[in-house]
Amino acid sequence: MRRRTRYSLMGAAVLLVALAVAVILRKEAPPECARLLPESDAIIYFDLRPLRLATHFDRTTVPHSPEFQRFIDATGFVFERDLDQAAFALHRMPDPNGPNGPVAFSEVFEGRIDGKRLTAYLNSVATSKETYAGHDIFCIPVDGRTLRVAMLGYAMVAASNTPTPEQIHSILDRYRSAASPFAGSSLLAARYSEVPLLSAAWGIGKVGLPFADNGKLQMLGLTLPVPADTTFVASVRYVHSLHLRVEEIADNDASAADSAAALNSLLTLVKSIEHSQPATAPEDVAMGELIDSLKIEQEKSRTVVTGTVPVELLKKVTDAPGEAAAQ
């Protein structure tokens, strides 16, 4: 009897240890939305749940365009209220002047979705439909591109506006075999471990591509002394306040030192301009606080930018998250 009890206790202990390990691995694994994305030049991920708690943007009445309001009326899906997570894959296009522009996107969204209403809406706007891996793919013309949309499950939707269906097919293939918490693209495998734990939003890879102009990075009306195809690891964590961290990955220490010096010179100029202009609007005050909090340092082959994002500024940015996500 004692031996049986001892074995039972050992079995229970092993089970508890295995469960703890599984929980830890799952916690450190990339979010499922990001794991489903196809191969790409960059990945950007948002967990809107902590951001929603921080800003309460779901309680704000946001005006929508007539077309977007028709989507809301048809599906009942309000991005500010119902979207929980979103992951975007960025694909650089070989011809930046082509119909897809410089960058195409593949996305996975997770939230509270009425599948029947969304399917009915997609049927009403799609010009064609195909079936792949047991899923319907709705093909919708948008601004000279074809947007392909597929329901993955009762709470998850995938979309891609790449020139070919290869990327949406890849998402469906990954969804079908997504049991492993460490599955995903090669970029995710290479860089996700560098994302700080508990980041509510992060980006890895060449995340500057959508803001490129003539090969340079454009932010807030400024041309940064950084090539647009530079690899970054960027993150925002909410721990009492929103902490921003952006790492530019250079080829060597000397290049990182040059980049840090150039960015510090630019930051000094921006701070002097900011301090010379009185700020009255809340968002202007918040932007000034963000600029004052920014620090730029070199850490070996990386240029690291850190700062604190005021909640008021985040509220301004999240005024209409659905409009951008629906493009």
C-alpha atoms as a PDB file:
ATOM      1  CA  MET A   1       0.000   0.000   0.000  1.00  0.00           C
ATOM      2  CA  ARG A   2       2.830   2.377   0.890  1.00  0.00           C
ATOM      3  CA  ARG A   3       4.592   1.602  -2.392  1.00  0.00           C
ATOM      4  CA  ARG A   4       1.392   2.279  -4.360  1.00  0.00           C
ATOM      5  CA  THR A   5       0.912   5.582  -2.504  1.00  0.00           C
ATOM      6  CA  ARG A   6       4.545   6.552  -3.170  1.00  0.00           C
ATOM      7  CA  TYR A   7       4.161   5.785  -6.876  1.00  0.00           C
ATOM      8  CA  SER A   8       0.927   7.772  -6.987  1.00  0.00           C
ATOM      9  CA  LEU A   9       2.646  10.766  -5.399  1.00  0.00           C
ATOM     10  CA  MET A  10       5.583  10.461  -7.806  1.00  0.00           C
ATOM     11  CA  GLY A  11       3.188  10.271 -10.748  1.00  0.00           C
ATOM     12  CA  ALA A  12       1.335  13.354  -9.549  1.00  0.00           C
ATOM     13  CA  ALA A  13       4.623  15.227  -9.094  1.00  0.00           C
ATOM     14  CA  VAL A  14       5.804  14.312 -12.586  1.00  0.00           C
ATOM     15  CA  LEU A  15       2.462  15.432 -13.988  1.00  0.00           C
ATOM     16  CA  LEU A  16       2.688  18.771 -12.164  1.00  0.00           C
ATOM     17  CA  VAL A  17       6.256  19.331 -13.391  1.00  0.00           C
ATOM     18  CA  ALA A  18       5.244  18.485 -16.972  1.00  0.00           C
ATOM     19  CA  LEU A  19       2.286  20.857 -16.699  1.00  0.00           C
ATOM     20  CA  ALA A  20       4.499  23.652 -15.339  1.00  0.00           C
ATOM     21  CA  VAL A  21       7.017  23.152 -18.154  1.00  0.00           C
ATOM     22  CA  ALA A  22       4.220  23.225 -20.727  1.00  0.00           C
ATOM     23  CA  VAL A  23       2.853  26.460 -19.260  1.00  0.00           C
ATOM     24  CA  ILE A  24       6.320  28.077 -19.270  1.00  0.00           C
ATOM     25  CA  LEU A  25       6.999  26.995 -22.849  1.00  0.00           C
ATOM     26  CA  ARG A  26       3.625  28.227 -23.991  1.00  0.00           C
ATOM     27  CA  LYS A  27       4.213  31.570 -22.253  1.00  0.00           C
ATOM     28  CA  GLU A  28       7.565  32.004 -23.985  1.00  0.00           C
ATOM     29  CA  ALA A  29       6.291  30.827 -27.374  1.00  0.00           C
ATOM     30  CA  PRO A  30       5.271  33.357 -30.033  1.00  0.00           C
ATOM     31  CA  PRO A  31       1.540  34.197 -30.116  1.00  0.00           C
ATOM     32  CA  GLU A  32      -0.446  31.909 -32.395  1.00  0.00           C
ATOM     33  CA  CYS A  33      -1.438  34.808 -34.660  1.00  0.00           C
ATOM     34  CA  ALA A  34       2.242  35.444 -35.385  1.00  0.00           C
ATOM     35  CA  ARG A  35       3.111  31.745 -35.747  1.00  0.00           C
ATOM     36  CA  LEU A  36       0.570  31.404 -38.555  1.00  0.00           C
ATOM     37  CA  LEU A  37       2.108  34.144 -40.708  1.00  0.00           C
ATOM     38  CA  PRO A  38       4.012  33.168 -43.882  1.00  0.00           C
ATOM     39  CA  GLU A  39       7.650  33.915 -44.667  1.00  0.00           C
ATOM     40  CA  SER A  40       8.160  37.680 -44.793  1.00  0.00           C
ATOM     41  CA  ASP A  41      10.582  40.584 -44.435  1.00  0.00           C
ATOM     42  CA  ALA A  42       9.061  41.755 -41.154  1.00  0.00           C
ATOM     43  CA  ILE A  43       6.401  40.909 -38.579  1.00  0.00           C
ATOM     44  CA  ILE A  44       4.388  43.364 -36.475  1.00  0.00           C
ATOM     45  CA  TYR A  45       2.161  42.136 -33.641  1.00  0.00           C
ATOM     46  CA  PHE A  46      -0.363  43.853 -31.362  1.00  0.00           C
ATOM     47  CA  ASP A  47      -2.142  42.529 -28.292  1.00  0.00           C
ATOM     48  CA  LEU A  48      -4.904  45.089 -27.903  1.00  0.00           C
ATOM     49  CA  ARG A  49      -6.167  43.770 -24.580  1.00  0.00           C
ATOM     50  CA  PRO A  50      -3.608  45.525 -22.323  1.00  0.00           C
ATOM     51  CA  LEU A  51      -3.674  48.571 -24.604  1.00  0.00           C
ATOM     52  CA  ARG A  52      -7.459  48.632 -24.284  1.00  0.00           C
ATOM     53  CA  LEU A  53      -7.145  48.513 -20.490  1.00  0.00           C
ATOM     54  CA  ALA A  54      -4.580  51.317 -20.567  1.00  0.00           C
ATOM     55  CA  THR A  55      -6.459  53.685 -22.883  1.00  0.00           C
ATOM     56  CA  HIS A  56     -10.116  52.540 -22.761  1.00  0.00           C
ATOM     57  CA  PHE A  57     -10.277  53.348 -26.478  1.00  0.00           C
ATOM     58  CA  ASP A  58     -13.200  50.923 -26.803  1.00  0.00           C
ATOM     59  CA  ARG A  59     -15.360  53.416 -24.901  1.00  0.00           C
ATOM     60  CA  THR A  60     -14.684  56.220 -27.371  1.00  0.00           C
ATOM     61  CA  THR A  61     -17.152  56.960 -30.148  1.00  0.00           C
ATOM     62  CA  VAL A  62     -15.112  56.866 -33.334  1.00  0.00           C
ATOM     63  CA  PRO A  63     -16.452  58.234 -36.644  1.00  0.00           C
ATOM     64  CA  HIS A  64     -16.049  55.784 -39.516  1.00  0.00           C
ATOM     65  CA  SER A  65     -16.120  56.120 -43.265  1.00  0.00           C
ATOM     66  CA  PRO A  66     -19.427  55.063 -44.891  1.00  0.00           C
ATOM     67  CA  GLU A  67     -17.805  51.942 -46.385  1.00  0.00           C
ATOM     68  CA  PHE A  68     -16.330  50.881 -43.056  1.00  0.00           C
ATOM     69  CA  GLN A  69     -19.619  51.571 -41.280  1.00  0.00           C
ATOM     70  CA  ARG A  70     -21.353  49.217 -43.736  1.00  0.00           C
ATOM     71  CA  PHE A  71     -18.842  46.534 -42.716  1.00  0.00           C
ATOM     72  CA  ILE A  72     -19.658  47.118 -39.034  1.00  0.00           C
ATOM     73  CA  ASP A  73     -23.410  47.062 -39.653  1.00  0.00           C
ATOM     74  CA  ALA A  74     -23.164  43.845 -41.674  1.00  0.00           C
ATOM     75  CA  THR A  75     -20.815  41.913 -39.379  1.00  0.00           C
ATOM     76  CA  GLY A  76     -21.409  43.438 -35.954  1.00  0.00           C
ATOM     77  CA  PHE A  77     -17.617  43.520 -35.547  1.00  0.00           C
ATOM     78  CA  VAL A  78     -16.282  46.719 -33.961  1.00  0.00           C
ATOM     79  CA  PHE A  79     -12.476  46.757 -33.988  1.00  0.00           C
ATOM     80  CA  GLU A  80     -12.155  48.987 -30.938  1.00  0.00           C
ATOM     81  CA  ARG A  81     -14.276  46.567 -28.914  1.00  0.00           C
ATOM     82  CA  ASP A  82     -13.875  43.135 -30.499  1.00  0.00           C
ATOM     83  CA  LEU A  83     -10.328  42.829 -31.849  1.00  0.00           C
ATOM     84  CA  ASP A  84      -7.976  41.192 -29.320  1.00  0.00           C
ATOM     85  CA  GLN A  85      -4.818  40.355 -31.291  1.00  0.00           C
ATOM     86  CA  ALA A  86      -3.453  41.141 -34.735  1.00  0.00           C
ATOM     87  CA  ALA A  87      -0.277  40.044 -36.504  1.00  0.00           C
ATOM     88  CA  PHE A  88       1.000  41.456 -39.807  1.00  0.00           C
ATOM     89  CA  ALA A  89       3.611  40.055 -42.179  1.00  0.00           C
ATOM     90  CA  LEU A  90       5.307  42.622 -44.437  1.00  0.00           C
ATOM     91  CA  HIS A  91       6.410  41.493 -47.903  1.00  0.00           C
ATOM     92  CA  ARG A  92       8.700  43.790 -49.893  1.00  0.00           C
ATOM     93  CA  MET A  93       7.564  44.018 -53.520  1.00  0.00           C
ATOM     94  CA  PRO A  94      10.197  43.856 -56.311  1.00  0.00           C
ATOM     95  CA  ASP A  95       8.543  46.791 -58.109  1.00  0.00           C
ATOM     96  CA  PRO A  96       7.631  49.575 -55.658  1.00  0.00           C
ATOM     97  CA  ASN A  97       5.717  51.354 -58.434  1.00  0.00           C
ATOM     98  CA  GLY A  98       3.578  48.316 -59.254  1.00  0.00           C
ATOM     99  CA  PRO A  99      -0.066  47.791 -58.254  1.00  0.00           C
ATOM    100  CA  ASN A 100       0.980  46.417 -54.870  1.00  0.00           C
ATOM    101  CA  GLY A 101       3.206  49.363 -54.035  1.00  0.00           C
ATOM    102  CA  PRO A 102       6.446  48.869 -52.090  1.00  0.00           C
ATOM    103  CA  VAL A 103       4.966  46.518 -49.488  1.00  0.00           C
ATOM    104  CA  ALA A 104       2.206  43.891 -49.399  1.00  0.00           C
ATOM    105  CA  PHE A 105       0.693  42.526 -46.207  1.00  0.00           C
ATOM    106  CA  SER A 106      -0.559  39.246 -44.789  1.00  0.00           C
ATOM    107  CA  GLU A 107      -2.565  39.399 -41.563  1.00  0.00           C
ATOM    108  CA  VAL A 108      -4.112  37.210 -38.903  1.00  0.00           C
ATOM    109  CA  PHE A 109      -6.765  38.695 -36.602  1.00  0.00           C
ATOM    110  CA  GLU A 110      -8.227  37.164 -33.443  1.00  0.00           C
ATOM    111  CA  GLY A 111     -11.226  38.395 -31.476  1.00  0.00           C
ATOM    112  CA  ARG A 112     -14.966  38.097 -30.988  1.00  0.00           C
ATOM    113  CA  ILE A 113     -16.249  37.268 -34.467  1.00  0.00           C
ATOM    114  CA  ASP A 114     -19.714  36.291 -35.673  1.00  0.00           C
ATOM    115  CA  GLY A 115     -18.678  33.778 -38.330  1.00  0.00           C
ATOM    116  CA  LYS A 116     -22.052  33.591 -40.077  1.00  0.00           C
ATOM    117  CA  ARG A 117     -22.407  37.348 -40.430  1.00  0.00           C
ATOM    118  CA  LEU A 118     -18.803  37.790 -41.564  1.00  0.00           C
ATOM    119  CA  THR A 119     -19.139  34.992 -44.133  1.00  0.00           C
ATOM    120  CA  ALA A 120     -22.329  36.557 -45.486  1.00  0.00           C
ATOM    121  CA  TYR A 121     -20.579  39.926 -45.801  1.00  0.00           C
ATOM    122  CA  LEU A 122     -17.542  38.401 -47.551  1.00  0.00           C
ATOM    123  CA  ASN A 123     -19.848  36.613 -49.989  1.00  0.00           C
ATOM    124  CA  SER A 124     -21.519  39.940 -50.786  1.00  0.00           C
ATOM    125  CA  VAL A 125     -18.276  41.801 -51.618  1.00  0.00           C
ATOM    126  CA  ALA A 126     -16.113  39.042 -53.135  1.00  0.00           C
ATOM    127  CA  THR A 127     -15.848  38.806 -56.913  1.00  0.00           C
ATOM    128  CA  SER A 128     -14.611  35.217 -56.767  1.00  0.00           C
ATOM    129  CA  LYS A 129     -13.971  32.426 -54.297  1.00  0.00           C
ATOM    130  CA  GLU A 130     -11.681  29.418 -54.101  1.00  0.00           C
ATOM    131  CA  THR A 131     -11.304  26.514 -51.701  1.00  0.00           C
ATOM    132  CA  TYR A 132      -7.988  25.489 -50.174  1.00  0.00           C
ATOM    133  CA  ALA A 133      -7.270  23.082 -47.303  1.00  0.00           C
ATOM    134  CA  GLY A 134     -10.963  22.921 -46.507  1.00  0.00           C
ATOM    135  CA  HIS A 135     -11.364  26.705 -46.203  1.00  0.00           C
ATOM    136  CA  ASP A 136     -13.117  29.171 -48.478  1.00  0.00           C
ATOM    137  CA  ILE A 137     -10.903  32.036 -49.669  1.00  0.00           C
ATOM    138  CA  PHE A 138     -12.832  35.157 -50.662  1.00  0.00           C
ATOM    139  CA  CYS A 139     -11.169  37.332 -53.327  1.00  0.00           C
ATOM    140  CA  ILE A 140     -12.050  41.023 -52.955  1.00  0.00           C
ATOM    141  CA  PRO A 141     -10.769  43.824 -55.239  1.00  0.00           C
ATOM    142  CA  VAL A 142      -9.324  46.707 -53.180  1.00  0.00           C
ATOM    143  CA  ASP A 143      -7.458  49.664 -54.722  1.00  0.00           C
ATOM    144  CA  GLY A 144      -6.045  47.691 -57.644  1.00  0.00           C
ATOM    145  CA  ARG A 145      -5.062  44.727 -55.477  1.00  0.00           C
ATOM    146  CA  THR A 146      -6.810  41.466 -54.663  1.00  0.00           C
ATOM    147  CA  LEU A 147      -7.474  41.011 -50.959  1.00  0.00           C
ATOM    148  CA  ARG A 148      -7.866  37.331 -50.071  1.00  0.00           C
ATOM    149  CA  VAL A 149      -9.735  36.573 -46.827  1.00  0.00           C
ATOM    150  CA  ALA A 150     -10.332  33.232 -45.093  1.00  0.00           C
ATOM    151  CA  MET A 151     -11.974  32.236 -41.814  1.00  0.00           C
ATOM    152  CA  LEU A 152      -9.563  30.085 -39.796  1.00  0.00           C
ATOM    153  CA  GLY A 153     -11.814  29.320 -36.847  1.00  0.00           C
ATOM    154  CA  TYR A 154     -14.647  30.792 -34.841  1.00  0.00           C
ATOM    155  CA  ALA A 155     -12.375  33.541 -33.478  1.00  0.00           C
ATOM    156  CA  MET A 156      -9.674  33.953 -36.141  1.00  0.00           C
ATOM    157  CA  VAL A 157      -9.492  35.442 -39.649  1.00  0.00           C
ATOM    158  CA  ALA A 158      -6.606  35.568 -42.140  1.00  0.00           C
ATOM    159  CA  ALA A 159      -6.090  37.973 -45.020  1.00  0.00           C
ATOM    160  CA  SER A 160      -3.425  38.800 -47.601  1.00  0.00           C
ATOM    161  CA  ASN A 161      -3.128  41.289 -50.460  1.00  0.00           C
ATOM    162  CA  THR A 162      -0.012  39.770 -52.029  1.00  0.00           C
ATOM    163  CA  PRO A 163      -0.042  39.308 -55.829  1.00  0.00           C
ATOM    164  CA  THR A 164      -0.364  35.496 -55.589  1.00  0.00           C
ATOM    165  CA  PRO A 165      -2.332  33.220 -53.228  1.00  0.00           C
ATOM    166  CA  GLU A 166       0.861  31.588 -51.961  1.00  0.00           C
ATOM    167  CA  GLN A 167       0.860  33.556 -48.691  1.00  0.00           C
ATOM    168  CA  ILE A 168      -2.768  32.903 -47.729  1.00  0.00           C
ATOM    169  CA  HIS A 169      -2.210  29.225 -48.582  1.00  0.00           C
ATOM    170  CA  SER A 170       0.806  29.193 -46.271  1.00  0.00           C
ATOM    171  CA  ILE A 171      -1.306  30.585 -43.422  1.00  0.00           C
ATOM    172  CA  LEU A 172      -3.910  27.874 -43.945  1.00  0.00           C
ATOM    173  CA  ASP A 173      -1.208  25.197 -44.041  1.00  0.00           C
ATOM    174  CA  ARG A 174       0.285  26.491 -40.790  1.00  0.00           C
ATOM    175  CA  TYR A 175      -3.152  26.621 -39.167  1.00  0.00           C
ATOM    176  CA  ARG A 176      -3.753  22.989 -40.083  1.00  0.00           C
ATOM    177  CA  SER A 177      -0.492  21.910 -38.391  1.00  0.00           C
ATOM    178  CA  ALA A 178      -0.105  24.526 -35.653  1.00  0.00           C
ATOM    179  CA  ALA A 179       0.125  22.173 -32.673  1.00  0.00           C
ATOM    180  CA  SER A 180       3.709  23.142 -31.848  1.00  0.00           C
ATOM    181  CA  PRO A 181       4.012  26.361 -29.814  1.00  0.00           C
ATOM    182  CA  PHE A 182       7.320  27.076 -31.571  1.00  0.00           C
ATOM    183  CA  ALA A 183       6.167  26.702 -35.163  1.00  0.00           C
ATOM    184  CA  GLY A 184       6.359  29.721 -37.439  1.00  0.00           C
ATOM    185  CA  SER A 185       8.434  31.483 -40.062  1.00  0.00           C
ATOM    186  CA  SER A 186      12.227  31.604 -40.168  1.00  0.00           C
ATOM    187  CA  LEU A 187      12.146  35.280 -39.145  1.00  0.00           C
ATOM    188  CA  LEU A 188      10.090  34.437 -36.065  1.00  0.00           C
ATOM    189  CA  ALA A 189      12.496  31.650 -35.145  1.00  0.00           C
ATOM    190  CA  ALA A 190      15.495  33.938 -35.564  1.00  0.00           C
ATOM    191  CA  ARG A 191      14.280  37.072 -33.779  1.00  0.00           C
ATOM    192  CA  TYR A 192      11.314  36.435 -31.463  1.00  0.00           C
ATOM    193  CA  SER A 193      13.571  35.395 -28.564  1.00  0.00           C
ATOM    194  CA  GLU A 194      14.881  38.992 -28.539  1.00  0.00           C
ATOM    195  CA  VAL A 195      11.427  40.476 -27.900  1.00  0.00           C
ATOM    196  CA  PRO A 196      11.120  41.493 -24.212  1.00  0.00           C
ATOM    197  CA  LEU A 197       8.749  39.350 -22.166  1.00  0.00           C
ATOM    198  CA  LEU A 198       5.170  40.663 -21.772  1.00  0.00           C
ATOM    199  CA  SER A 199       5.418  43.040 -24.743  1.00  0.00           C
ATOM    200  CA  ALA A 200       1.954  44.199 -25.763  1.00  0.00           C
ATOM    201  CA  ALA A 201       3.197  45.189 -29.209  1.00  0.00           C
ATOM    202  CA  TRP A 202       6.363  44.298 -31.081  1.00  0.00           C
ATOM    203  CA  GLY A 203       7.970  44.235 -34.484  1.00  0.00           C
ATOM    204  CA  ILE A 204      10.902  42.268 -35.876  1.00  0.00           C
ATOM    205  CA  GLY A 205      12.707  42.386 -39.201  1.00  0.00           C
ATOM    206  CA  LYS A 206      12.664  45.220 -41.701  1.00  0.00           C
ATOM    207  CA  VAL A 207       9.746  46.969 -40.005  1.00  0.00           C
ATOM    208  CA  GLY A 208      10.652  50.327 -41.552  1.00  0.00           C
ATOM    209  CA  LEU A 209       9.606  49.240 -45.044  1.00  0.00           C
ATOM    210  CA  PRO A 210       6.112  50.855 -44.990  1.00  0.00           C
ATOM    211  CA  PHE A 211       7.719  54.183 -44.027  1.00  0.00           C
ATOM    212  CA  ALA A 212      10.401  54.122 -46.718  1.00  0.00           C
ATOM    213  CA  ASP A 213      11.039  56.946 -49.157  1.00  0.00           C
ATOM    214  CA  ASN A 214      13.953  56.777 -51.592  1.00  0.00           C
ATOM    215  CA  GLY A 215      15.609  54.152 -49.453  1.00  0.00           C
ATOM    216  CA  LYS A 216      15.432  56.193 -46.233  1.00  0.00           C
ATOM    217  CA  LEU A 217      13.195  55.837 -43.214  1.00  0.00           C
ATOM    218  CA  GLN A 218      10.516  58.527 -42.746  1.00  0.00           C
ATOM    219  CA  MET A 219       8.967  59.031 -39.292  1.00  0.00           C
ATOM    220  CA  LEU A 220       6.840  61.958 -38.088  1.00  0.00           C
ATOM    221  CA  GLY A 221       7.852  63.997 -41.116  1.00  0.00           C
ATOM    222  CA  LEU A 222      11.563  63.455 -40.500  1.00  0.00           C
ATOM    223  CA  THR A 223      14.072  61.550 -42.597  1.00  0.00           C
ATOM    224  CA  LEU A 224      16.020  59.345 -40.214  1.00  0.00           C
ATOM    225  CA  PRO A 225      19.699  58.542 -40.900  1.00  0.00           C
ATOM    226  CA  VAL A 226      18.815  54.865 -41.122  1.00  0.00           C
ATOM    227  CA  PRO A 227      18.304  52.760 -44.287  1.00  0.00           C
ATOM    228  CA  ALA A 228      14.693  51.611 -44.689  1.00  0.00           C
ATOM    229  CA  ASP A 229      15.721  47.966 -44.972  1.00  0.00           C
ATOM    230  CA  THR A 230      17.548  47.954 -41.625  1.00  0.00           C
ATOM    231  CA  THR A 231      16.600  45.097 -39.311  1.00  0.00           C
ATOM    232  CA  PHE A 232      14.906  46.155 -36.073  1.00  0.00           C
ATOM    233  CA  VAL A 233      13.574  44.574 -32.908  1.00  0.00           C
ATOM    234  CA  ALA A 234      10.968  46.979 -31.519  1.00  0.00           C
ATOM    235  CA  SER A 235       8.623  46.538 -28.570  1.00  0.00           C
ATOM    236  CA  VAL A 236       6.176  48.276 -26.256  1.00  0.00           C
ATOM    237  CA  ARG A 237       5.557  46.912 -22.759  1.00  0.00           C
ATOM    238  CA  TYR A 238       2.927  48.121 -20.319  1.00  0.00           C
ATOM    239  CA  VAL A 239       4.357  47.974 -16.789  1.00  0.00           C
ATOM    240  CA  HIS A 240       2.715  50.847 -14.879  1.00  0.00           C
ATOM    241  CA  SER A 241       3.536  52.902 -17.973  1.00  0.00           C
ATOM    242  CA  LEU A 242       4.280  52.160 -21.619  1.00  0.00           C
ATOM    243  CA  HIS A 243       7.957  51.452 -22.235  1.00  0.00           C
ATOM    244  CA  LEU A 244       9.258  51.729 -25.802  1.00  0.00           C
ATOM    245  CA  ARG A 245      12.414  49.948 -26.941  1.00  0.00           C
ATOM    246  CA  VAL A 246      13.762  49.884 -30.496  1.00  0.00           C
ATOM    247  CA  GLU A 247      16.994  48.103 -31.431  1.00  0.00           C
ATOM    248  CA  GLU A 248      18.629  48.795 -34.791  1.00  0.00           C
ATOM    249  CA  ILE A 249      20.863  45.854 -35.716  1.00  0.00           C
ATOM    250  CA  ALA A 250      23.990  47.015 -37.544  1.00  0.00           C
ATOM    251  CA  ASP A 251      26.651  45.001 -39.364  1.00  0.00           C
ATOM    252  CA  ASN A 252      29.323  45.824 -36.771  1.00  0.00           C
ATOM    253  CA  ASP A 253      30.111  47.957 -33.714  1.00  0.00           C
ATOM    254  CA  ALA A 254      31.488  50.847 -35.784  1.00  0.00           C
ATOM    255  CA  SER A 255      28.336  51.099 -37.882  1.00  0.00           C
ATOM    256  CA  ALA A 256      26.226  51.061 -34.717  1.00  0.00           C
ATOM    257  CA  ALA A 257      28.352  53.858 -33.226  1.00  0.00           C
ATOM    258  CA  ASP A 258      27.902  55.990 -36.370  1.00  0.00           C
ATOM    259  CA  SER A 259      24.149  55.383 -36.330  1.00  0.00           C
ATOM    260  CA  ALA A 260      23.851  56.243 -32.627  1.00  0.00           C
ATOM    261  CA  ALA A 261      25.781  59.477 -33.151  1.00  0.00           C
ATOM    262  CA  ALA A 262      23.634  60.512 -36.119  1.00  0.00           C
ATOM    263  CA  LEU A 263      20.393  59.708 -34.297  1.00  0.00           C
ATOM    264  CA  ASN A 264      21.520  61.580 -31.168  1.00  0.00           C
ATOM    265  CA  SER A 265      22.283  64.657 -33.283  1.00  0.00           C
ATOM    266  CA  LEU A 266      18.836  64.444 -34.843  1.00  0.00           C
ATOM    267  CA  LEU A 267      17.196  63.941 -31.438  1.00  0.00           C
ATOM    268  CA  THR A 268      18.988  67.022 -30.054  1.00  0.00           C
ATOM    269  CA  LEU A 269      17.637  69.060 -32.972  1.00  0.00           C
ATOM    270  CA  VAL A 270      14.100  67.732 -32.500  1.00  0.00           C
ATOM    271  CA  LYS A 271      14.175  68.483 -28.757  1.00  0.00           C
ATOM    272  CA  SER A 272      15.318  72.062 -29.367  1.00  0.00           C
ATOM    273  CA  ILE A 273      12.514  72.608 -31.878  1.00  0.00           C
ATOM    274  CA  GLU A 274       9.978  70.999 -29.537  1.00  0.00           C
ATOM    275  CA  HIS A 275      11.024  73.179 -26.590  1.00  0.00           C
ATOM    276  CA  SER A 276      10.866  76.355 -28.693  1.00  0.00           C
ATOM    277  CA  GLN A 277       7.173  75.836 -29.500  1.00  0.00           C
ATOM    278  CA  PRO A 278       4.539  76.111 -26.754  1.00  0.00           C
ATOM    279  CA  ALA A 279       2.355  73.002 -26.518  1.00  0.00           C
ATOM    280  CA  THR A 280      -1.307  73.520 -25.646  1.00  0.00           C
ATOM    281  CA  ALA A 281      -3.193  70.493 -27.009  1.00  0.00           C
ATOM    282  CA  PRO A 282      -2.988  67.362 -24.793  1.00  0.00           C
ATOM    283  CA  GLU A 283      -1.518  65.280 -27.621  1.00  0.00           C
ATOM    284  CA  ASP A 284       1.193  67.924 -28.217  1.00  0.00           C
ATOM    285  CA  VAL A 285       2.108  67.878 -24.527  1.00  0.00           C
ATOM    286  CA  ALA A 286       2.201  64.071 -24.623  1.00  0.00           C
ATOM    287  CA  MET A 287       4.413  64.095 -27.731  1.00  0.00           C
ATOM    288  CA  GLY A 288       6.793  66.469 -25.944  1.00  0.00           C
ATOM    289  CA  GLU A 289       6.953  64.098 -22.981  1.00  0.00           C
ATOM    290  CA  LEU A 290       7.764  61.192 -25.291  1.00  0.00           C
ATOM    291  CA  ILE A 291      10.525  63.131 -27.058  1.00  0.00           C
ATOM    292  CA  ASP A 292      12.048  64.227 -23.734  1.00  0.00           C
ATOM    293  CA  SER A 293      12.077  60.614 -22.509  1.00  0.00           C
ATOM    294  CA  LEU A 294      13.942  59.242 -25.529  1.00  0.00           C
ATOM    295  CA  LYS A 295      17.468  57.950 -25.015  1.00  0.00           C
ATOM    296  CA  ILE A 296      19.790  56.613 -27.714  1.00  0.00           C
ATOM    297  CA  GLU A 297      22.705  54.379 -26.772  1.00  0.00           C
ATOM    298  CA  GLN A 298      25.078  51.958 -28.472  1.00  0.00           C
ATOM    299  CA  GLU A 299      25.253  48.375 -27.243  1.00  0.00           C
ATOM    300  CA  LYS A 300      27.963  46.659 -29.305  1.00  0.00           C
ATOM    301  CA  SER A 301      26.526  46.212 -32.834  1.00  0.00           C
ATOM    302  CA  ARG A 302      23.148  47.657 -31.899  1.00  0.00           C
ATOM    303  CA  THR A 303      21.735  51.136 -31.571  1.00  0.00           C
ATOM    304  CA  VAL A 304      19.113  51.102 -28.824  1.00  0.00           C
ATOM    305  CA  VAL A 305      16.351  53.696 -28.508  1.00  0.00           C
ATOM    306  CA  THR A 306      14.286  53.704 -25.301  1.00  0.00           C
ATOM    307  CA  GLY A 307      11.497  55.949 -24.080  1.00  0.00           C
ATOM    308  CA  THR A 308       8.191  56.178 -22.248  1.00  0.00           C
ATOM    309  CA  VAL A 309       4.973  56.567 -24.244  1.00  0.00           C
ATOM    310  CA  PRO A 310       2.386  58.737 -22.431  1.00  0.00           C
ATOM    311  CA  VAL A 311      -1.041  57.119 -22.280  1.00  0.00           C
ATOM    312  CA  GLU A 312      -2.606  60.282 -23.748  1.00  0.00           C
ATOM    313  CA  LEU A 313      -0.515  59.879 -26.882  1.00  0.00           C
ATOM    314  CA  LEU A 314      -1.462  56.217 -27.160  1.00  0.00           C
ATOM    315  CA  LYS A 315      -5.133  57.162 -26.880  1.00  0.00           C
ATOM    316  CA  LYS A 316      -4.687  59.512 -29.821  1.00  0.00           C
ATOM    317  CA  VAL A 317      -2.979  56.809 -31.887  1.00  0.00           C
ATOM    318  CA  THR A 318      -5.706  54.254 -31.079  1.00  0.00           C
ATOM    319  CA  ASP A 319      -8.625  56.560 -31.886  1.00  0.00           C
ATOM    320  CA  ALA A 320      -9.545  54.468 -34.931  1.00  0.00           C
ATOM    321  CA  PRO A 321      -7.534  51.207 -35.029  1.00  0.00           C
ATOM    322  CA  GLY A 322     -10.135  49.481 -37.168  1.00  0.00           C
ATOM    323  CA  GLU A 323      -9.856  51.830 -40.133  1.00  0.00           C
ATOM    324  CA  ALA A 324      -6.167  51.023 -40.620  1.00  0.00           C
ATOM    325  CA  ALA A 325      -6.583  47.296 -40.022  1.00  0.00           C
ATOM    326  CA  ALA A 326      -9.366  47.049 -42.579  1.00  0.00           C
ATOM    327  CA  GLN A 327      -7.319  48.418 -45.490  1.00  0.00           C
END
